[in-house]
Amino acid sequence: MKIKRVVIFGIIVLGALIMGFGDNFMQDEYAQSIGIVLMMFGLYKTTQVWSNENYGPEEKDKEEES
């Protein structure tokens, strides 16, 4: 589980680096677009990991019974 967090953090950092320095390698618009997509994907996956930890299976079972 800890490795998944590191990979997701790496995706977020990679997106930020592409946004910041991507204009040296490609057109600025493409670099910003790819960087934003990577950052948003990383943030989405991060919130999924956090929600799975905070909202465990025992709470899901209680909600389904109600």
PDB file of N, CA and C in Angstrom:
ATOM      1  N   MET A   1       0.825  -1.194   0.000  1.00  0.00           N
ATOM      2  CA  MET A   1       0.000   0.000   0.000  1.00  0.00           C
ATOM      3  C   MET A   1       0.864   1.251   0.000  1.00  0.00           C
ATOM      4  N   LYS A   2       2.004   1.212   0.670  1.00  0.00           N
ATOM      5  CA  LYS A   2       2.885   2.380   0.709  1.00  0.00           C
ATOM      6  C   LYS A   2       3.491   2.661  -0.658  1.00  0.00           C
ATOM      7  N   ILE A   3       3.758   1.618  -1.434  1.00  0.00           N
ATOM      8  CA  ILE A   3       4.329   1.810  -2.764  1.00  0.00           C
ATOM      9  C   ILE A   3       3.339   2.535  -3.656  1.00  0.00           C
ATOM     10  N   LYS A   4       2.062   2.229  -3.512  1.00  0.00           N
ATOM     11  CA  LYS A   4       1.041   2.888  -4.324  1.00  0.00           C
ATOM     12  C   LYS A   4       1.040   4.391  -4.067  1.00  0.00           C
ATOM     13  N   ARG A   5       1.198   4.777  -2.819  1.00  0.00           N
ATOM     14  CA  ARG A   5       1.246   6.199  -2.484  1.00  0.00           C
ATOM     15  C   ARG A   5       2.453   6.888  -3.127  1.00  0.00           C
ATOM     16  N   VAL A   6       3.577   6.211  -3.130  1.00  0.00           N
ATOM     17  CA  VAL A   6       4.792   6.780  -3.719  1.00  0.00           C
ATOM     18  C   VAL A   6       4.617   6.954  -5.224  1.00  0.00           C
ATOM     19  N   VAL A   7       4.017   5.967  -5.871  1.00  0.00           N
ATOM     20  CA  VAL A   7       3.796   6.047  -7.317  1.00  0.00           C
ATOM     21  C   VAL A   7       2.837   7.199  -7.637  1.00  0.00           C
ATOM     22  N   ILE A   8       1.769   7.326  -6.875  1.00  0.00           N
ATOM     23  CA  ILE A   8       0.804   8.404  -7.107  1.00  0.00           C
ATOM     24  C   ILE A   8       1.467   9.763  -6.886  1.00  0.00           C
ATOM     25  N   PHE A   9       2.264   9.879  -5.833  1.00  0.00           N
ATOM     26  CA  PHE A   9       2.980  11.127  -5.592  1.00  0.00           C
ATOM     27  C   PHE A   9       3.936  11.433  -6.741  1.00  0.00           C
ATOM     28  N   GLY A  10       4.576  10.399  -7.264  1.00  0.00           N
ATOM     29  CA  GLY A  10       5.471  10.578  -8.400  1.00  0.00           C
ATOM     30  C   GLY A  10       4.733  11.075  -9.638  1.00  0.00           C
ATOM     31  N   ILE A  11       3.519  10.580  -9.852  1.00  0.00           N
ATOM     32  CA  ILE A  11       2.716  11.044 -10.987  1.00  0.00           C
ATOM     33  C   ILE A  11       2.373  12.517 -10.829  1.00  0.00           C
ATOM     34  N   ILE A  12       2.025  12.924  -9.616  1.00  0.00           N
ATOM     35  CA  ILE A  12       1.698  14.330  -9.366  1.00  0.00           C
ATOM     36  C   ILE A  12       2.918  15.214  -9.607  1.00  0.00           C
ATOM     37  N   VAL A  13       4.069  14.790  -9.104  1.00  0.00           N
ATOM     38  CA  VAL A  13       5.302  15.563  -9.288  1.00  0.00           C
ATOM     39  C   VAL A  13       5.701  15.600 -10.761  1.00  0.00           C
ATOM     40  N   LEU A  14       5.554  14.485 -11.456  1.00  0.00           N
ATOM     41  CA  LEU A  14       5.863  14.444 -12.885  1.00  0.00           C
ATOM     42  C   LEU A  14       4.979  15.418 -13.662  1.00  0.00           C
ATOM     43  N   GLY A  15       3.694  15.457 -13.310  1.00  0.00           N
ATOM     44  CA  GLY A  15       2.798  16.409 -13.961  1.00  0.00           C
ATOM     45  C   GLY A  15       3.217  17.845 -13.712  1.00  0.00           C
ATOM     46  N   ALA A  16       3.629  18.136 -12.482  1.00  0.00           N
ATOM     47  CA  ALA A  16       4.073  19.496 -12.165  1.00  0.00           C
ATOM     48  C   ALA A  16       5.362  19.845 -12.915  1.00  0.00           C
ATOM     49  N   LEU A  17       6.274  18.893 -13.018  1.00  0.00           N
ATOM     50  CA  LEU A  17       7.521  19.141 -13.744  1.00  0.00           C
ATOM     51  C   LEU A  17       7.264  19.352 -15.234  1.00  0.00           C
ATOM     52  N   ILE A  18       6.363  18.569 -15.798  1.00  0.00           N
ATOM     53  CA  ILE A  18       6.037  18.753 -17.218  1.00  0.00           C
ATOM     54  C   ILE A  18       5.401  20.116 -17.437  1.00  0.00           C
ATOM     55  N   MET A  19       4.551  20.532 -16.523  1.00  0.00           N
ATOM     56  CA  MET A  19       3.950  21.864 -16.657  1.00  0.00           C
ATOM     57  C   MET A  19       5.012  22.953 -16.555  1.00  0.00           C
ATOM     58  N   GLY A  20       5.959  22.772 -15.664  1.00  0.00           N
ATOM     59  CA  GLY A  20       6.962  23.803 -15.443  1.00  0.00           C
ATOM     60  C   GLY A  20       8.052  23.857 -16.493  1.00  0.00           C
ATOM     61  N   PHE A  21       8.538  22.690 -16.916  1.00  0.00           N
ATOM     62  CA  PHE A  21       9.689  22.651 -17.806  1.00  0.00           C
ATOM     63  C   PHE A  21       9.393  22.052 -19.173  1.00  0.00           C
ATOM     64  N   GLY A  22       8.150  21.701 -19.435  1.00  0.00           N
ATOM     65  CA  GLY A  22       7.798  21.047 -20.692  1.00  0.00           C
ATOM     66  C   GLY A  22       7.926  21.927 -21.906  1.00  0.00           C
ATOM     67  N   ASP A  23       7.878  23.237 -21.713  1.00  0.00           N
ATOM     68  CA  ASP A  23       7.992  24.128 -22.868  1.00  0.00           C
ATOM     69  C   ASP A  23       9.375  24.054 -23.510  1.00  0.00           C
ATOM     70  N   ASN A  24      10.356  23.513 -22.812  1.00  0.00           N
ATOM     71  CA  ASN A  24      11.684  23.321 -23.394  1.00  0.00           C
ATOM     72  C   ASN A  24      11.713  22.141 -24.365  1.00  0.00           C
ATOM     73  N   PHE A  25      10.775  21.196 -24.210  1.00  0.00           N
ATOM     74  CA  PHE A  25      10.771  19.981 -25.008  1.00  0.00           C
ATOM     75  C   PHE A  25       9.656  19.943 -26.050  1.00  0.00           C
ATOM     76  N   MET A  26       8.557  20.644 -25.788  1.00  0.00           N
ATOM     77  CA  MET A  26       7.412  20.636 -26.697  1.00  0.00           C
ATOM     78  C   MET A  26       6.707  21.982 -26.608  1.00  0.00           C
ATOM     79  N   GLN A  27       5.652  22.144 -27.376  1.00  0.00           N
ATOM     80  CA  GLN A  27       4.913  23.395 -27.327  1.00  0.00           C
ATOM     81  C   GLN A  27       4.313  23.581 -25.939  1.00  0.00           C
ATOM     82  N   ASP A  28       4.241  24.812 -25.500  1.00  0.00           N
ATOM     83  CA  ASP A  28       3.805  25.129 -24.147  1.00  0.00           C
ATOM     84  C   ASP A  28       2.392  24.636 -23.859  1.00  0.00           C
ATOM     85  N   GLU A  29       1.492  24.737 -24.831  1.00  0.00           N
ATOM     86  CA  GLU A  29       0.109  24.317 -24.620  1.00  0.00           C
ATOM     87  C   GLU A  29       0.007  22.820 -24.362  1.00  0.00           C
ATOM     88  N   TYR A  30       0.784  22.031 -25.110  1.00  0.00           N
ATOM     89  CA  TYR A  30       0.769  20.586 -24.914  1.00  0.00           C
ATOM     90  C   TYR A  30       1.374  20.211 -23.555  1.00  0.00           C
ATOM     91  N   ALA A  31       2.428  20.875 -23.178  1.00  0.00           N
ATOM     92  CA  ALA A  31       3.068  20.591 -21.897  1.00  0.00           C
ATOM     93  C   ALA A  31       2.114  20.888 -20.746  1.00  0.00           C
ATOM     94  N   GLN A  32       1.421  22.003 -20.818  1.00  0.00           N
ATOM     95  CA  GLN A  32       0.477  22.337 -19.762  1.00  0.00           C
ATOM     96  C   GLN A  32      -0.691  21.358 -19.727  1.00  0.00           C
ATOM     97  N   SER A  33      -1.177  20.967 -20.888  1.00  0.00           N
ATOM     98  CA  SER A  33      -2.296  20.024 -20.938  1.00  0.00           C
ATOM     99  C   SER A  33      -1.909  18.667 -20.359  1.00  0.00           C
ATOM    100  N   ILE A  34      -0.767  18.151 -20.757  1.00  0.00           N
ATOM    101  CA  ILE A  34      -0.323  16.856 -20.242  1.00  0.00           C
ATOM    102  C   ILE A  34      -0.044  16.941 -18.746  1.00  0.00           C
ATOM    103  N   GLY A  35       0.568  18.025 -18.298  1.00  0.00           N
ATOM    104  CA  GLY A  35       0.853  18.201 -16.876  1.00  0.00           C
ATOM    105  C   GLY A  35      -0.410  18.265 -16.037  1.00  0.00           C
ATOM    106  N   ILE A  36      -1.405  18.976 -16.506  1.00  0.00           N
ATOM    107  CA  ILE A  36      -2.661  19.074 -15.753  1.00  0.00           C
ATOM    108  C   ILE A  36      -3.357  17.723 -15.700  1.00  0.00           C
ATOM    109  N   VAL A  37      -3.364  16.996 -16.820  1.00  0.00           N
ATOM    110  CA  VAL A  37      -4.003  15.676 -16.828  1.00  0.00           C
ATOM    111  C   VAL A  37      -3.320  14.739 -15.838  1.00  0.00           C
ATOM    112  N   LEU A  38      -1.988  14.726 -15.829  1.00  0.00           N
ATOM    113  CA  LEU A  38      -1.264  13.860 -14.885  1.00  0.00           C
ATOM    114  C   LEU A  38      -1.521  14.263 -13.441  1.00  0.00           C
ATOM    115  N   MET A  39      -1.517  15.558 -13.172  1.00  0.00           N
ATOM    116  CA  MET A  39      -1.761  16.009 -11.807  1.00  0.00           C
ATOM    117  C   MET A  39      -3.176  15.674 -11.346  1.00  0.00           C
ATOM    118  N   MET A  40      -4.149  15.873 -12.193  1.00  0.00           N
ATOM    119  CA  MET A  40      -5.532  15.573 -11.821  1.00  0.00           C
ATOM    120  C   MET A  40      -5.740  14.071 -11.622  1.00  0.00           C
ATOM    121  N   PHE A  41      -5.103  13.249 -12.459  1.00  0.00           N
ATOM    122  CA  PHE A  41      -5.185  11.808 -12.278  1.00  0.00           C
ATOM    123  C   PHE A  41      -4.572  11.396 -10.945  1.00  0.00           C
ATOM    124  N   GLY A  42      -3.430  11.967 -10.621  1.00  0.00           N
ATOM    125  CA  GLY A  42      -2.787  11.661  -9.342  1.00  0.00           C
ATOM    126  C   GLY A  42      -3.621  12.091  -8.159  1.00  0.00           C
ATOM    127  N   LEU A  43      -4.226  13.262  -8.253  1.00  0.00           N
ATOM    128  CA  LEU A  43      -5.082  13.727  -7.162  1.00  0.00           C
ATOM    129  C   LEU A  43      -6.318  12.859  -7.015  1.00  0.00           C
ATOM    130  N   TYR A  44      -6.885  12.432  -8.130  1.00  0.00           N
ATOM    131  CA  TYR A  44      -8.051  11.550  -8.098  1.00  0.00           C
ATOM    132  C   TYR A  44      -7.715  10.230  -7.405  1.00  0.00           C
ATOM    133  N   LYS A  45      -6.594   9.628  -7.791  1.00  0.00           N
ATOM    134  CA  LYS A  45      -6.189   8.363  -7.187  1.00  0.00           C
ATOM    135  C   LYS A  45      -5.855   8.541  -5.703  1.00  0.00           C
ATOM    136  N   THR A  46      -5.292   9.686  -5.335  1.00  0.00           N
ATOM    137  CA  THR A  46      -4.986   9.958  -3.936  1.00  0.00           C
ATOM    138  C   THR A  46      -6.256  10.008  -3.106  1.00  0.00           C
ATOM    139  N   THR A  47      -7.272  10.673  -3.604  1.00  0.00           N
ATOM    140  CA  THR A  47      -8.531  10.742  -2.849  1.00  0.00           C
ATOM    141  C   THR A  47      -9.188   9.385  -2.747  1.00  0.00           C
ATOM    142  N   GLN A  48      -9.016   8.526  -3.752  1.00  0.00           N
ATOM    143  CA  GLN A  48      -9.562   7.174  -3.652  1.00  0.00           C
ATOM    144  C   GLN A  48      -8.851   6.383  -2.559  1.00  0.00           C
ATOM    145  N   VAL A  49      -7.540   6.516  -2.474  1.00  0.00           N
ATOM    146  CA  VAL A  49      -6.787   5.806  -1.432  1.00  0.00           C
ATOM    147  C   VAL A  49      -7.208   6.308  -0.061  1.00  0.00           C
ATOM    148  N   TRP A  50      -7.342   7.626   0.096  1.00  0.00           N
ATOM    149  CA  TRP A  50      -7.744   8.182   1.386  1.00  0.00           C
ATOM    150  C   TRP A  50      -9.156   7.753   1.769  1.00  0.00           C
ATOM    151  N   SER A  51     -10.071   7.742   0.825  1.00  0.00           N
ATOM    152  CA  SER A  51     -11.452   7.381   1.148  1.00  0.00           C
ATOM    153  C   SER A  51     -11.554   5.902   1.498  1.00  0.00           C
ATOM    154  N   ASN A  52     -10.748   5.043   0.874  1.00  0.00           N
ATOM    155  CA  ASN A  52     -10.759   3.622   1.221  1.00  0.00           C
ATOM    156  C   ASN A  52     -10.218   3.396   2.625  1.00  0.00           C
ATOM    157  N   GLU A  53      -9.268   4.204   3.053  1.00  0.00           N
ATOM    158  CA  GLU A  53      -8.723   4.060   4.401  1.00  0.00           C
ATOM    159  C   GLU A  53      -9.695   4.585   5.451  1.00  0.00           C
ATOM    160  N   ASN A  54     -10.332   5.714   5.191  1.00  0.00           N
ATOM    161  CA  ASN A  54     -11.221   6.333   6.159  1.00  0.00           C
ATOM    162  C   ASN A  54     -12.601   5.706   6.171  1.00  0.00           C
ATOM    163  N   TYR A  55     -12.998   5.078   5.089  1.00  0.00           N
ATOM    164  CA  TYR A  55     -14.323   4.513   4.957  1.00  0.00           C
ATOM    165  C   TYR A  55     -14.152   3.023   4.730  1.00  0.00           C
ATOM    166  N   GLY A  56     -13.840   2.314   5.805  1.00  0.00           N
ATOM    167  CA  GLY A  56     -13.493   0.904   5.711  1.00  0.00           C
ATOM    168  C   GLY A  56     -14.670   0.008   5.390  1.00  0.00           C
ATOM    169  N   PRO A  57     -14.413  -1.291   5.197  1.00  0.00           N
ATOM    170  CA  PRO A  57     -15.460  -2.238   4.807  1.00  0.00           C
ATOM    171  C   PRO A  57     -16.543  -2.401   5.868  1.00  0.00           C
ATOM    172  N   GLU A  58     -16.195  -2.260   7.154  1.00  0.00           N
ATOM    173  CA  GLU A  58     -17.216  -2.419   8.188  1.00  0.00           C
ATOM    174  C   GLU A  58     -18.257  -1.310   8.136  1.00  0.00           C
ATOM    175  N   GLU A  59     -17.858  -0.113   7.757  1.00  0.00           N
ATOM    176  CA  GLU A  59     -18.812   0.985   7.627  1.00  0.00           C
ATOM    177  C   GLU A  59     -19.677   0.806   6.383  1.00  0.00           C
ATOM    178  N   LYS A  60     -19.118   0.229   5.318  1.00  0.00           N
ATOM    179  CA  LYS A  60     -19.907  -0.035   4.114  1.00  0.00           C
ATOM    180  C   LYS A  60     -21.005  -1.047   4.412  1.00  0.00           C
ATOM    181  N   ASP A  61     -20.683  -2.085   5.216  1.00  0.00           N
ATOM    182  CA  ASP A  61     -21.678  -3.094   5.561  1.00  0.00           C
ATOM    183  C   ASP A  61     -22.814  -2.489   6.375  1.00  0.00           C
ATOM    184  N   LYS A  62     -22.496  -1.611   7.316  1.00  0.00           N
ATOM    185  CA  LYS A  62     -23.527  -0.965   8.124  1.00  0.00           C
ATOM    186  C   LYS A  62     -24.448  -0.104   7.266  1.00  0.00           C
ATOM    187  N   GLU A  63     -23.868   0.576   6.283  1.00  0.00           N
ATOM    188  CA  GLU A  63     -24.668   1.440   5.416  1.00  0.00           C
ATOM    189  C   GLU A  63     -25.595   0.609   4.532  1.00  0.00           C
ATOM    190  N   GLU A  64     -25.141  -0.543   4.047  1.00  0.00           N
ATOM    191  CA  GLU A  64     -25.959  -1.389   3.188  1.00  0.00           C
ATOM    192  C   GLU A  64     -27.109  -2.013   3.957  1.00  0.00           C
ATOM    193  N   GLU A  65     -26.923  -2.298   5.236  1.00  0.00           N
ATOM    194  CA  GLU A  65     -27.986  -2.892   6.046  1.00  0.00           C
ATOM    195  C   GLU A  65     -29.105  -1.901   6.331  1.00  0.00           C
ATOM    196  N   SER A  66     -28.815  -0.618   6.374  1.00  0.00           N
ATOM    197  CA  SER A  66     -29.815   0.397   6.702  1.00  0.00           C
ATOM    198  C   SER A  66     -30.829   0.592   5.614  1.00  0.00           C
TER     199      SER A  66
END
